[in-house]
């Protein structure tokens, strides 16, 4: 069974608890839409502190690797920030398609995965 891996990005809230709740909410919506959500907020933030320069650098490397392995990038929420724009630009350079959370339901996954 092919399940599309999608990288989840957003202009995340500064508050850690709110950020994780929002990330979990977005991931659930994507899961319900038939995707395998990959979200660095839930995958790497629990053990990397972005305020520490070395951790920030590692988190970005991990995010880049997750983007490389994803079928597409999903932009969640109405806002954008520099980190989100960086991730989108990184994906675009590698030919990774991006869409919004609303647009995810428009995709014909069978056709997308067969191409």
PDB file of N, CA and C in Angstrom:
ATOM      1  N   UNK A   1       0.853  -1.187   0.000  1.00  0.00           N
ATOM      2  CA  UNK A   1       0.000   0.000   0.000  1.00  0.00           C
ATOM      3  C   UNK A   1       0.894   1.244   0.000  1.00  0.00           C
ATOM      4  N   UNK A   2       0.632   2.143  -0.919  1.00  0.00           N
ATOM      5  CA  UNK A   2       1.356   3.406  -0.961  1.00  0.00           C
ATOM      6  C   UNK A   2       0.570   4.475  -0.217  1.00  0.00           C
ATOM      7  N   UNK A   3       1.208   5.048   0.758  1.00  0.00           N
ATOM      8  CA  UNK A   3       0.622   6.168   1.495  1.00  0.00           C
ATOM      9  C   UNK A   3       1.545   7.361   1.270  1.00  0.00           C
ATOM     10  N   UNK A   4       1.024   8.468   0.757  1.00  0.00           N
ATOM     11  CA  UNK A   4       1.880   9.621   0.483  1.00  0.00           C
ATOM     12  C   UNK A   4       2.427  10.244   1.776  1.00  0.00           C
ATOM     13  N   UNK A   5       3.749  10.403   1.802  1.00  0.00           N
ATOM     14  CA  UNK A   5       4.378  11.080   2.931  1.00  0.00           C
ATOM     15  C   UNK A   5       4.357  12.576   2.654  1.00  0.00           C
ATOM     16  N   UNK A   6       3.793  13.336   3.585  1.00  0.00           N
ATOM     17  CA  UNK A   6       3.701  14.779   3.401  1.00  0.00           C
ATOM     18  C   UNK A   6       4.409  15.493   4.549  1.00  0.00           C
ATOM     19  N   UNK A   7       5.224  16.465   4.202  1.00  0.00           N
ATOM     20  CA  UNK A   7       5.941  17.272   5.185  1.00  0.00           C
ATOM     21  C   UNK A   7       5.024  18.403   5.625  1.00  0.00           C
ATOM     22  N   UNK A   8       4.859  18.572   6.920  1.00  0.00           N
ATOM     23  CA  UNK A   8       3.932  19.558   7.472  1.00  0.00           C
ATOM     24  C   UNK A   8       4.705  20.793   7.925  1.00  0.00           C
ATOM     25  N   UNK A   9       4.350  21.937   7.374  1.00  0.00           N
ATOM     26  CA  UNK A   9       4.974  23.188   7.787  1.00  0.00           C
ATOM     27  C   UNK A   9       3.896  24.227   8.082  1.00  0.00           C
ATOM     28  N   UNK A  10       4.254  25.174   8.912  1.00  0.00           N
ATOM     29  CA  UNK A  10       3.339  26.261   9.282  1.00  0.00           C
ATOM     30  C   UNK A  10       4.152  27.357   9.956  1.00  0.00           C
ATOM     31  N   UNK A  11       3.530  28.499  10.154  1.00  0.00           N
ATOM     32  CA  UNK A  11       4.114  29.541  10.997  1.00  0.00           C
ATOM     33  C   UNK A  11       3.698  29.176  12.422  1.00  0.00           C
ATOM     34  N   UNK A  12       4.511  28.370  13.066  1.00  0.00           N
ATOM     35  CA  UNK A  12       4.148  27.791  14.360  1.00  0.00           C
ATOM     36  C   UNK A  12       4.109  28.839  15.466  1.00  0.00           C
ATOM     37  N   UNK A  13       3.182  28.687  16.428  1.00  0.00           N
ATOM     38  CA  UNK A  13       3.140  29.592  17.579  1.00  0.00           C
ATOM     39  C   UNK A  13       4.433  29.481  18.393  1.00  0.00           C
ATOM     40  N   UNK A  14       4.781  30.518  19.083  1.00  0.00           N
ATOM     41  CA  UNK A  14       5.995  30.519  19.925  1.00  0.00           C
ATOM     42  C   UNK A  14       5.825  29.605  21.132  1.00  0.00           C
ATOM     43  N   UNK A  15       4.631  29.544  21.672  1.00  0.00           N
ATOM     44  CA  UNK A  15       4.362  28.719  22.850  1.00  0.00           C
ATOM     45  C   UNK A  15       4.461  27.245  22.483  1.00  0.00           C
ATOM     46  N   UNK A  16       5.331  26.511  23.198  1.00  0.00           N
ATOM     47  CA  UNK A  16       5.588  25.105  22.865  1.00  0.00           C
ATOM     48  C   UNK A  16       4.337  24.235  22.937  1.00  0.00           C
ATOM     49  N   UNK A  17       3.550  24.403  23.972  1.00  0.00           N
ATOM     50  CA  UNK A  17       2.348  23.580  24.128  1.00  0.00           C
ATOM     51  C   UNK A  17       1.354  23.854  22.999  1.00  0.00           C
ATOM     52  N   UNK A  18       1.152  25.130  22.687  1.00  0.00           N
ATOM     53  CA  UNK A  18       0.234  25.487  21.596  1.00  0.00           C
ATOM     54  C   UNK A  18       0.755  24.963  20.261  1.00  0.00           C
ATOM     55  N   UNK A  19       2.073  25.052  20.056  1.00  0.00           N
ATOM     56  CA  UNK A  19       2.689  24.586  18.816  1.00  0.00           C
ATOM     57  C   UNK A  19       2.464  23.083  18.635  1.00  0.00           C
ATOM     58  N   UNK A  20       2.684  22.321  19.689  1.00  0.00           N
ATOM     59  CA  UNK A  20       2.511  20.873  19.586  1.00  0.00           C
ATOM     60  C   UNK A  20       1.042  20.488  19.391  1.00  0.00           C
ATOM     61  N   UNK A  21       0.140  21.186  20.065  1.00  0.00           N
ATOM     62  CA  UNK A  21      -1.294  20.916  19.859  1.00  0.00           C
ATOM     63  C   UNK A  21      -1.714  21.201  18.427  1.00  0.00           C
ATOM     64  N   UNK A  22      -1.241  22.334  17.912  1.00  0.00           N
ATOM     65  CA  UNK A  22      -1.592  22.720  16.546  1.00  0.00           C
ATOM     66  C   UNK A  22      -1.004  21.720  15.550  1.00  0.00           C
ATOM     67  N   UNK A  23       0.237  21.305  15.773  1.00  0.00           N
ATOM     68  CA  UNK A  23       0.876  20.331  14.885  1.00  0.00           C
ATOM     69  C   UNK A  23       0.110  19.006  14.899  1.00  0.00           C
ATOM     70  N   UNK A  24      -0.276  18.560  16.081  1.00  0.00           N
ATOM     71  CA  UNK A  24      -1.040  17.304  16.189  1.00  0.00           C
ATOM     72  C   UNK A  24      -2.384  17.429  15.465  1.00  0.00           C
ATOM     73  N   UNK A  25      -3.020  18.584  15.572  1.00  0.00           N
ATOM     74  CA  UNK A  25      -4.305  18.811  14.893  1.00  0.00           C
ATOM     75  C   UNK A  25      -4.128  18.731  13.379  1.00  0.00           C
ATOM     76  N   UNK A  26      -3.115  19.421  12.842  1.00  0.00           N
ATOM     77  CA  UNK A  26      -2.857  19.390  11.407  1.00  0.00           C
ATOM     78  C   UNK A  26      -2.526  17.963  10.947  1.00  0.00           C
ATOM     79  N   UNK A  27      -1.700  17.268  11.722  1.00  0.00           N
ATOM     80  CA  UNK A  27      -1.315  15.902  11.350  1.00  0.00           C
ATOM     81  C   UNK A  27      -2.526  14.973  11.332  1.00  0.00           C
ATOM     82  N   UNK A  28      -3.441  15.168  12.252  1.00  0.00           N
ATOM     83  CA  UNK A  28      -4.641  14.327  12.268  1.00  0.00           C
ATOM     84  C   UNK A  28      -5.494  14.569  11.024  1.00  0.00           C
ATOM     85  N   UNK A  29      -5.632  15.825  10.647  1.00  0.00           N
ATOM     86  CA  UNK A  29      -6.401  16.154   9.444  1.00  0.00           C
ATOM     87  C   UNK A  29      -5.760  15.485   8.227  1.00  0.00           C
ATOM     88  N   UNK A  30      -4.450  15.544   8.134  1.00  0.00           N
ATOM     89  CA  UNK A  30      -3.739  14.929   7.012  1.00  0.00           C
ATOM     90  C   UNK A  30      -3.849  13.410   7.055  1.00  0.00           C
ATOM     91  N   UNK A  31      -3.756  12.852   8.239  1.00  0.00           N
ATOM     92  CA  UNK A  31      -3.928  11.405   8.397  1.00  0.00           C
ATOM     93  C   UNK A  31      -5.323  10.987   7.915  1.00  0.00           C
ATOM     94  N   UNK A  32      -6.342  11.729   8.336  1.00  0.00           N
ATOM     95  CA  UNK A  32      -7.715  11.427   7.921  1.00  0.00           C
ATOM     96  C   UNK A  32      -7.908  11.574   6.414  1.00  0.00           C
ATOM     97  N   UNK A  33      -7.071  12.401   5.784  1.00  0.00           N
ATOM     98  CA  UNK A  33      -7.142  12.595   4.327  1.00  0.00           C
ATOM     99  C   UNK A  33      -6.360  11.512   3.574  1.00  0.00           C
ATOM    100  N   UNK A  34      -5.769  10.573   4.313  1.00  0.00           N
ATOM    101  CA  UNK A  34      -5.062   9.470   3.673  1.00  0.00           C
ATOM    102  C   UNK A  34      -3.565   9.672   3.519  1.00  0.00           C
ATOM    103  N   UNK A  35      -2.998  10.604   4.269  1.00  0.00           N
ATOM    104  CA  UNK A  35      -1.576  10.907   4.173  1.00  0.00           C
ATOM    105  C   UNK A  35      -0.808  10.362   5.374  1.00  0.00           C
ATOM    106  N   UNK A  36       0.503  10.312   5.231  1.00  0.00           N
ATOM    107  CA  UNK A  36       1.417   9.995   6.323  1.00  0.00           C
ATOM    108  C   UNK A  36       2.112  11.321   6.655  1.00  0.00           C
ATOM    109  N   UNK A  37       1.638  12.046   7.673  1.00  0.00           N
ATOM    110  CA  UNK A  37       2.220  13.347   7.987  1.00  0.00           C
ATOM    111  C   UNK A  37       3.581  13.229   8.663  1.00  0.00           C
ATOM    112  N   UNK A  38       4.527  14.033   8.193  1.00  0.00           N
ATOM    113  CA  UNK A  38       5.863  14.127   8.762  1.00  0.00           C
ATOM    114  C   UNK A  38       6.009  15.557   9.278  1.00  0.00           C
ATOM    115  N   UNK A  39       6.080  15.711  10.588  1.00  0.00           N
ATOM    116  CA  UNK A  39       6.092  17.046  11.178  1.00  0.00           C
ATOM    117  C   UNK A  39       7.270  17.198  12.139  1.00  0.00           C
ATOM    118  N   UNK A  40       8.221  18.100  11.835  1.00  0.00           N
ATOM    119  CA  UNK A  40       9.381  18.272  12.712  1.00  0.00           C
ATOM    120  C   UNK A  40       9.019  18.769  14.112  1.00  0.00           C
ATOM    121  N   UNK A  41       7.911  19.472  14.235  1.00  0.00           N
ATOM    122  CA  UNK A  41       7.486  19.934  15.564  1.00  0.00           C
ATOM    123  C   UNK A  41       7.257  18.732  16.476  1.00  0.00           C
ATOM    124  N   UNK A  42       6.694  17.679  15.939  1.00  0.00           N
ATOM    125  CA  UNK A  42       6.428  16.484  16.740  1.00  0.00           C
ATOM    126  C   UNK A  42       7.582  15.482  16.687  1.00  0.00           C
ATOM    127  N   UNK A  43       8.350  15.496  15.597  1.00  0.00           N
ATOM    128  CA  UNK A  43       9.393  14.482  15.410  1.00  0.00           C
ATOM    129  C   UNK A  43      10.736  14.836  16.049  1.00  0.00           C
ATOM    130  N   UNK A  44      11.139  16.098  15.998  1.00  0.00           N
ATOM    131  CA  UNK A  44      12.479  16.443  16.498  1.00  0.00           C
ATOM    132  C   UNK A  44      12.519  17.515  17.583  1.00  0.00           C
ATOM    133  N   UNK A  45      11.506  18.347  17.656  1.00  0.00           N
ATOM    134  CA  UNK A  45      11.530  19.400  18.677  1.00  0.00           C
ATOM    135  C   UNK A  45      11.577  18.894  20.115  1.00  0.00           C
ATOM    136  N   UNK A  46      10.970  17.750  20.414  1.00  0.00           N
ATOM    137  CA  UNK A  46      11.032  17.290  21.803  1.00  0.00           C
ATOM    138  C   UNK A  46      12.453  17.053  22.329  1.00  0.00           C
ATOM    139  N   UNK A  47      13.429  16.812  21.436  1.00  0.00           N
ATOM    140  CA  UNK A  47      14.787  16.578  21.927  1.00  0.00           C
ATOM    141  C   UNK A  47      15.820  17.574  21.409  1.00  0.00           C
ATOM    142  N   UNK A  48      15.420  18.502  20.556  1.00  0.00           N
ATOM    143  CA  UNK A  48      16.325  19.552  20.098  1.00  0.00           C
ATOM    144  C   UNK A  48      15.787  20.914  20.523  1.00  0.00           C
ATOM    145  N   UNK A  49      16.660  21.733  21.086  1.00  0.00           N
ATOM    146  CA  UNK A  49      16.293  23.063  21.557  1.00  0.00           C
ATOM    147  C   UNK A  49      16.722  24.081  20.501  1.00  0.00           C
ATOM    148  N   UNK A  50      15.766  24.685  19.815  1.00  0.00           N
ATOM    149  CA  UNK A  50      16.058  25.621  18.731  1.00  0.00           C
ATOM    150  C   UNK A  50      16.833  26.847  19.209  1.00  0.00           C
ATOM    151  N   UNK A  51      16.797  27.148  20.498  1.00  0.00           N
ATOM    152  CA  UNK A  51      17.530  28.287  21.037  1.00  0.00           C
ATOM    153  C   UNK A  51      19.038  28.004  21.099  1.00  0.00           C
ATOM    154  N   UNK A  52      19.421  26.742  21.054  1.00  0.00           N
ATOM    155  CA  UNK A  52      20.832  26.350  21.043  1.00  0.00           C
ATOM    156  C   UNK A  52      21.289  26.279  19.596  1.00  0.00           C
ATOM    157  N   UNK A  53      22.332  27.043  19.256  1.00  0.00           N
ATOM    158  CA  UNK A  53      22.769  27.168  17.865  1.00  0.00           C
ATOM    159  C   UNK A  53      23.007  25.812  17.196  1.00  0.00           C
ATOM    160  N   UNK A  54      23.716  24.916  17.846  1.00  0.00           N
ATOM    161  CA  UNK A  54      24.001  23.599  17.267  1.00  0.00           C
ATOM    162  C   UNK A  54      22.713  22.794  17.054  1.00  0.00           C
ATOM    163  N   UNK A  55      21.791  22.855  18.019  1.00  0.00           N
ATOM    164  CA  UNK A  55      20.508  22.157  17.884  1.00  0.00           C
ATOM    165  C   UNK A  55      19.684  22.736  16.736  1.00  0.00           C
ATOM    166  N   UNK A  56      19.699  24.055  16.616  1.00  0.00           N
ATOM    167  CA  UNK A  56      18.963  24.709  15.527  1.00  0.00           C
ATOM    168  C   UNK A  56      19.496  24.219  14.176  1.00  0.00           C
ATOM    169  N   UNK A  57      20.814  24.160  14.058  1.00  0.00           N
ATOM    170  CA  UNK A  57      21.432  23.692  12.821  1.00  0.00           C
ATOM    171  C   UNK A  57      21.038  22.235  12.539  1.00  0.00           C
ATOM    172  N   UNK A  58      21.080  21.385  13.544  1.00  0.00           N
ATOM    173  CA  UNK A  58      20.699  19.975  13.380  1.00  0.00           C
ATOM    174  C   UNK A  58      19.225  19.832  13.028  1.00  0.00           C
ATOM    175  N   UNK A  59      18.362  20.634  13.693  1.00  0.00           N
ATOM    176  CA  UNK A  59      16.932  20.567  13.403  1.00  0.00           C
ATOM    177  C   UNK A  59      16.676  20.914  11.944  1.00  0.00           C
ATOM    178  N   UNK A  60      17.387  21.916  11.446  1.00  0.00           N
ATOM    179  CA  UNK A  60      17.210  22.302  10.049  1.00  0.00           C
ATOM    180  C   UNK A  60      17.703  21.194   9.111  1.00  0.00           C
ATOM    181  N   UNK A  61      18.812  20.558   9.448  1.00  0.00           N
ATOM    182  CA  UNK A  61      19.295  19.432   8.639  1.00  0.00           C
ATOM    183  C   UNK A  61      18.274  18.301   8.625  1.00  0.00           C
ATOM    184  N   UNK A  62      17.698  18.003   9.783  1.00  0.00           N
ATOM    185  CA  UNK A  62      16.675  16.956   9.855  1.00  0.00           C
ATOM    186  C   UNK A  62      15.459  17.333   9.023  1.00  0.00           C
ATOM    187  N   UNK A  63      15.050  18.600   9.102  1.00  0.00           N
ATOM    188  CA  UNK A  63      13.900  19.057   8.318  1.00  0.00           C
ATOM    189  C   UNK A  63      14.180  18.893   6.832  1.00  0.00           C
ATOM    190  N   UNK A  64      15.395  19.245   6.398  1.00  0.00           N
ATOM    191  CA  UNK A  64      15.747  19.098   4.988  1.00  0.00           C
ATOM    192  C   UNK A  64      15.682  17.631   4.555  1.00  0.00           C
ATOM    193  N   UNK A  65      16.160  16.743   5.404  1.00  0.00           N
ATOM    194  CA  UNK A  65      16.116  15.314   5.076  1.00  0.00           C
ATOM    195  C   UNK A  65      14.671  14.815   5.003  1.00  0.00           C
ATOM    196  N   UNK A  66      13.840  15.272   5.922  1.00  0.00           N
ATOM    197  CA  UNK A  66      12.433  14.872   5.899  1.00  0.00           C
ATOM    198  C   UNK A  66      11.731  15.387   4.641  1.00  0.00           C
ATOM    199  N   UNK A  67      12.077  16.602   4.225  1.00  0.00           N
ATOM    200  CA  UNK A  67      11.503  17.165   2.995  1.00  0.00           C
ATOM    201  C   UNK A  67      11.924  16.324   1.796  1.00  0.00           C
ATOM    202  N   UNK A  68      13.202  15.958   1.728  1.00  0.00           N
ATOM    203  CA  UNK A  68      13.701  15.129   0.613  1.00  0.00           C
ATOM    204  C   UNK A  68      12.925  13.814   0.497  1.00  0.00           C
ATOM    205  N   UNK A  69      12.508  13.258   1.615  1.00  0.00           N
ATOM    206  CA  UNK A  69      11.841  11.958   1.629  1.00  0.00           C
ATOM    207  C   UNK A  69      10.322  12.060   1.433  1.00  0.00           C
ATOM    208  N   UNK A  70       9.800  13.266   1.417  1.00  0.00           N
ATOM    209  CA  UNK A  70       8.357  13.474   1.325  1.00  0.00           C
ATOM    210  C   UNK A  70       7.900  13.584  -0.123  1.00  0.00           C
ATOM    211  N   UNK A  71       6.629  13.207  -0.349  1.00  0.00           N
ATOM    212  CA  UNK A  71       6.036  13.367  -1.670  1.00  0.00           C
ATOM    213  C   UNK A  71       5.678  14.825  -1.938  1.00  0.00           C
ATOM    214  N   UNK A  72       5.266  15.525  -0.901  1.00  0.00           N
ATOM    215  CA  UNK A  72       4.932  16.938  -1.036  1.00  0.00           C
ATOM    216  C   UNK A  72       4.986  17.642   0.309  1.00  0.00           C
ATOM    217  N   UNK A  73       4.936  18.968   0.252  1.00  0.00           N
ATOM    218  CA  UNK A  73       4.936  19.809   1.448  1.00  0.00           C
ATOM    219  C   UNK A  73       3.539  20.396   1.594  1.00  0.00           C
ATOM    220  N   UNK A  74       2.998  20.338   2.810  1.00  0.00           N
ATOM    221  CA  UNK A  74       1.686  20.908   3.074  1.00  0.00           C
ATOM    222  C   UNK A  74       1.849  22.112   4.000  1.00  0.00           C
ATOM    223  N   UNK A  75       1.392  23.276   3.523  1.00  0.00           N
ATOM    224  CA  UNK A  75       1.430  24.511   4.302  1.00  0.00           C
ATOM    225  C   UNK A  75       0.122  24.627   5.066  1.00  0.00           C
ATOM    226  N   UNK A  76       0.227  24.717   6.369  1.00  0.00           N
ATOM    227  CA  UNK A  76      -0.963  24.772   7.222  1.00  0.00           C
ATOM    228  C   UNK A  76      -1.111  26.161   7.842  1.00  0.00           C
ATOM    229  N   UNK A  77      -2.327  26.560   8.064  1.00  0.00           N
ATOM    230  CA  UNK A  77      -2.598  27.853   8.689  1.00  0.00           C
ATOM    231  C   UNK A  77      -2.627  28.976   7.674  1.00  0.00           C
ATOM    232  N   UNK A  78      -2.947  30.165   8.172  1.00  0.00           N
ATOM    233  CA  UNK A  78      -3.091  31.336   7.304  1.00  0.00           C
ATOM    234  C   UNK A  78      -1.851  32.221   7.262  1.00  0.00           C
ATOM    235  N   UNK A  79      -0.932  32.018   8.211  1.00  0.00           N
ATOM    236  CA  UNK A  79       0.248  32.877   8.303  1.00  0.00           C
ATOM    237  C   UNK A  79       1.458  32.190   7.689  1.00  0.00           C
ATOM    238  N   UNK A  80       2.517  32.970   7.521  1.00  0.00           N
ATOM    239  CA  UNK A  80       3.780  32.417   7.059  1.00  0.00           C
ATOM    240  C   UNK A  80       4.904  33.097   7.836  1.00  0.00           C
ATOM    241  N   UNK A  81       6.044  32.417   7.890  1.00  0.00           N
ATOM    242  CA  UNK A  81       7.212  33.005   8.543  1.00  0.00           C
ATOM    243  C   UNK A  81       8.462  32.600   7.767  1.00  0.00           C
ATOM    244  N   UNK A  82       9.617  33.069   8.199  1.00  0.00           N
ATOM    245  CA  UNK A  82      10.853  32.829   7.452  1.00  0.00           C
ATOM    246  C   UNK A  82      11.228  31.346   7.415  1.00  0.00           C
ATOM    247  N   UNK A  83      10.977  30.607   8.483  1.00  0.00           N
ATOM    248  CA  UNK A  83      11.311  29.179   8.503  1.00  0.00           C
ATOM    249  C   UNK A  83      10.442  28.414   7.512  1.00  0.00           C
ATOM    250  N   UNK A  84       9.174  28.743   7.479  1.00  0.00           N
ATOM    251  CA  UNK A  84       8.253  28.107   6.530  1.00  0.00           C
ATOM    252  C   UNK A  84       8.683  28.430   5.094  1.00  0.00           C
ATOM    253  N   UNK A  85       9.026  29.671   4.833  1.00  0.00           N
ATOM    254  CA  UNK A  85       9.467  30.071   3.500  1.00  0.00           C
ATOM    255  C   UNK A  85      10.764  29.367   3.110  1.00  0.00           C
ATOM    256  N   UNK A  86      11.658  29.178   4.079  1.00  0.00           N
ATOM    257  CA  UNK A  86      12.903  28.447   3.820  1.00  0.00           C
ATOM    258  C   UNK A  86      12.588  27.007   3.405  1.00  0.00           C
ATOM    259  N   UNK A  87      11.700  26.347   4.146  1.00  0.00           N
ATOM    260  CA  UNK A  87      11.342  24.963   3.849  1.00  0.00           C
ATOM    261  C   UNK A  87      10.688  24.848   2.471  1.00  0.00           C
ATOM    262  N   UNK A  88       9.833  25.783   2.137  1.00  0.00           N
ATOM    263  CA  UNK A  88       9.184  25.773   0.816  1.00  0.00           C
ATOM    264  C   UNK A  88      10.208  25.964  -0.297  1.00  0.00           C
ATOM    265  N   UNK A  89      11.143  26.900  -0.102  1.00  0.00           N
ATOM    266  CA  UNK A  89      12.178  27.149  -1.108  1.00  0.00           C
ATOM    267  C   UNK A  89      13.093  25.932  -1.252  1.00  0.00           C
ATOM    268  N   UNK A  90      13.439  25.312  -0.132  1.00  0.00           N
ATOM    269  CA  UNK A  90      14.267  24.111  -0.155  1.00  0.00           C
ATOM    270  C   UNK A  90      13.563  23.008  -0.954  1.00  0.00           C
ATOM    271  N   UNK A  91      12.292  22.798  -0.690  1.00  0.00           N
ATOM    272  CA  UNK A  91      11.534  21.791  -1.417  1.00  0.00           C
ATOM    273  C   UNK A  91      11.403  22.113  -2.894  1.00  0.00           C
ATOM    274  N   UNK A  92      11.151  23.366  -3.194  1.00  0.00           N
ATOM    275  CA  UNK A  92      10.983  23.781  -4.593  1.00  0.00           C
ATOM    276  C   UNK A  92      12.248  23.493  -5.401  1.00  0.00           C
ATOM    277  N   UNK A  93      13.425  23.767  -4.805  1.00  0.00           N
ATOM    278  CA  UNK A  93      14.694  23.497  -5.498  1.00  0.00           C
ATOM    279  C   UNK A  93      14.855  22.012  -5.814  1.00  0.00           C
ATOM    280  N   UNK A  94      14.208  21.170  -5.055  1.00  0.00           N
ATOM    281  CA  UNK A  94      14.304  19.724  -5.246  1.00  0.00           C
ATOM    282  C   UNK A  94      13.097  19.136  -5.968  1.00  0.00           C
ATOM    283  N   UNK A  95      12.227  20.012  -6.464  1.00  0.00           N
ATOM    284  CA  UNK A  95      11.082  19.557  -7.234  1.00  0.00           C
ATOM    285  C   UNK A  95       9.952  18.983  -6.391  1.00  0.00           C
ATOM    286  N   UNK A  96       9.928  19.315  -5.103  1.00  0.00           N
ATOM    287  CA  UNK A  96       8.864  18.837  -4.219  1.00  0.00           C
ATOM    288  C   UNK A  96       7.676  19.787  -4.354  1.00  0.00           C
ATOM    289  N   UNK A  97       6.528  19.235  -4.666  1.00  0.00           N
ATOM    290  CA  UNK A  97       5.306  20.021  -4.814  1.00  0.00           C
ATOM    291  C   UNK A  97       4.830  20.491  -3.446  1.00  0.00           C
ATOM    292  N   UNK A  98       4.278  21.683  -3.391  1.00  0.00           N
ATOM    293  CA  UNK A  98       3.679  22.170  -2.146  1.00  0.00           C
ATOM    294  C   UNK A  98       2.220  22.517  -2.388  1.00  0.00           C
ATOM    295  N   UNK A  99       1.439  22.384  -1.332  1.00  0.00           N
ATOM    296  CA  UNK A  99       0.015  22.713  -1.388  1.00  0.00           C
ATOM    297  C   UNK A  99      -0.405  23.174  -0.004  1.00  0.00           C
ATOM    298  N   UNK A 100      -1.647  23.554   0.104  1.00  0.00           N
ATOM    299  CA  UNK A 100      -2.196  23.956   1.395  1.00  0.00           C
ATOM    300  C   UNK A 100      -2.961  22.787   2.011  1.00  0.00           C
ATOM    301  N   UNK A 101      -3.315  22.949   3.251  1.00  0.00           N
ATOM    302  CA  UNK A 101      -4.113  21.931   3.929  1.00  0.00           C
ATOM    303  C   UNK A 101      -5.453  21.765   3.212  1.00  0.00           C
ATOM    304  N   UNK A 102      -6.056  22.869   2.787  1.00  0.00           N
ATOM    305  CA  UNK A 102      -7.316  22.789   2.034  1.00  0.00           C
ATOM    306  C   UNK A 102      -7.116  22.080   0.697  1.00  0.00           C
ATOM    307  N   UNK A 103      -6.001  22.344   0.042  1.00  0.00           N
ATOM    308  CA  UNK A 103      -5.741  21.761  -1.266  1.00  0.00           C
ATOM    309  C   UNK A 103      -5.440  20.276  -1.228  1.00  0.00           C
ATOM    310  N   UNK A 104      -5.079  19.765  -0.077  1.00  0.00           N
ATOM    311  CA  UNK A 104      -4.713  18.357   0.042  1.00  0.00           C
ATOM    312  C   UNK A 104      -5.878  17.435  -0.336  1.00  0.00           C
ATOM    313  N   UNK A 105      -7.080  17.883  -0.106  1.00  0.00           N
ATOM    314  CA  UNK A 105      -8.241  17.051  -0.396  1.00  0.00           C
ATOM    315  C   UNK A 105      -8.577  17.037  -1.885  1.00  0.00           C
ATOM    316  N   UNK A 106      -7.938  17.888  -2.651  1.00  0.00           N
ATOM    317  CA  UNK A 106      -8.171  17.945  -4.098  1.00  0.00           C
ATOM    318  C   UNK A 106      -7.299  16.948  -4.854  1.00  0.00           C
ATOM    319  N   UNK A 107      -6.325  16.358  -4.184  1.00  0.00           N
ATOM    320  CA  UNK A 107      -5.357  15.491  -4.863  1.00  0.00           C
ATOM    321  C   UNK A 107      -5.913  14.085  -5.051  1.00  0.00           C
ATOM    322  N   UNK A 108      -5.739  13.558  -6.249  1.00  0.00           N
ATOM    323  CA  UNK A 108      -6.072  12.164  -6.545  1.00  0.00           C
ATOM    324  C   UNK A 108      -4.813  11.356  -6.230  1.00  0.00           C
ATOM    325  N   UNK A 109      -4.757  10.746  -5.045  1.00  0.00           N
ATOM    326  CA  UNK A 109      -3.549  10.083  -4.572  1.00  0.00           C
ATOM    327  C   UNK A 109      -3.104   8.950  -5.471  1.00  0.00           C
ATOM    328  N   UNK A 110      -4.028   8.175  -5.996  1.00  0.00           N
ATOM    329  CA  UNK A 110      -3.645   7.048  -6.854  1.00  0.00           C
ATOM    330  C   UNK A 110      -2.891   7.566  -8.090  1.00  0.00           C
ATOM    331  N   UNK A 111      -3.435   8.574  -8.714  1.00  0.00           N
ATOM    332  CA  UNK A 111      -2.789   9.139  -9.908  1.00  0.00           C
ATOM    333  C   UNK A 111      -1.444   9.758  -9.531  1.00  0.00           C
ATOM    334  N   UNK A 112      -1.403  10.464  -8.416  1.00  0.00           N
ATOM    335  CA  UNK A 112      -0.188  11.135  -7.966  1.00  0.00           C
ATOM    336  C   UNK A 112       0.924  10.116  -7.696  1.00  0.00           C
ATOM    337  N   UNK A 113       0.604   9.031  -7.001  1.00  0.00           N
ATOM    338  CA  UNK A 113       1.610   8.037  -6.626  1.00  0.00           C
ATOM    339  C   UNK A 113       2.046   7.158  -7.793  1.00  0.00           C
ATOM    340  N   UNK A 114       1.176   7.022  -8.808  1.00  0.00           N
ATOM    341  CA  UNK A 114       1.511   6.203  -9.973  1.00  0.00           C
ATOM    342  C   UNK A 114       2.402   6.942 -10.965  1.00  0.00           C
ATOM    343  N   UNK A 115       2.499   8.263 -10.826  1.00  0.00           N
ATOM    344  CA  UNK A 115       3.294   9.033 -11.812  1.00  0.00           C
ATOM    345  C   UNK A 115       4.764   8.982 -11.510  1.00  0.00           C
TER     346      UNK A 115
END
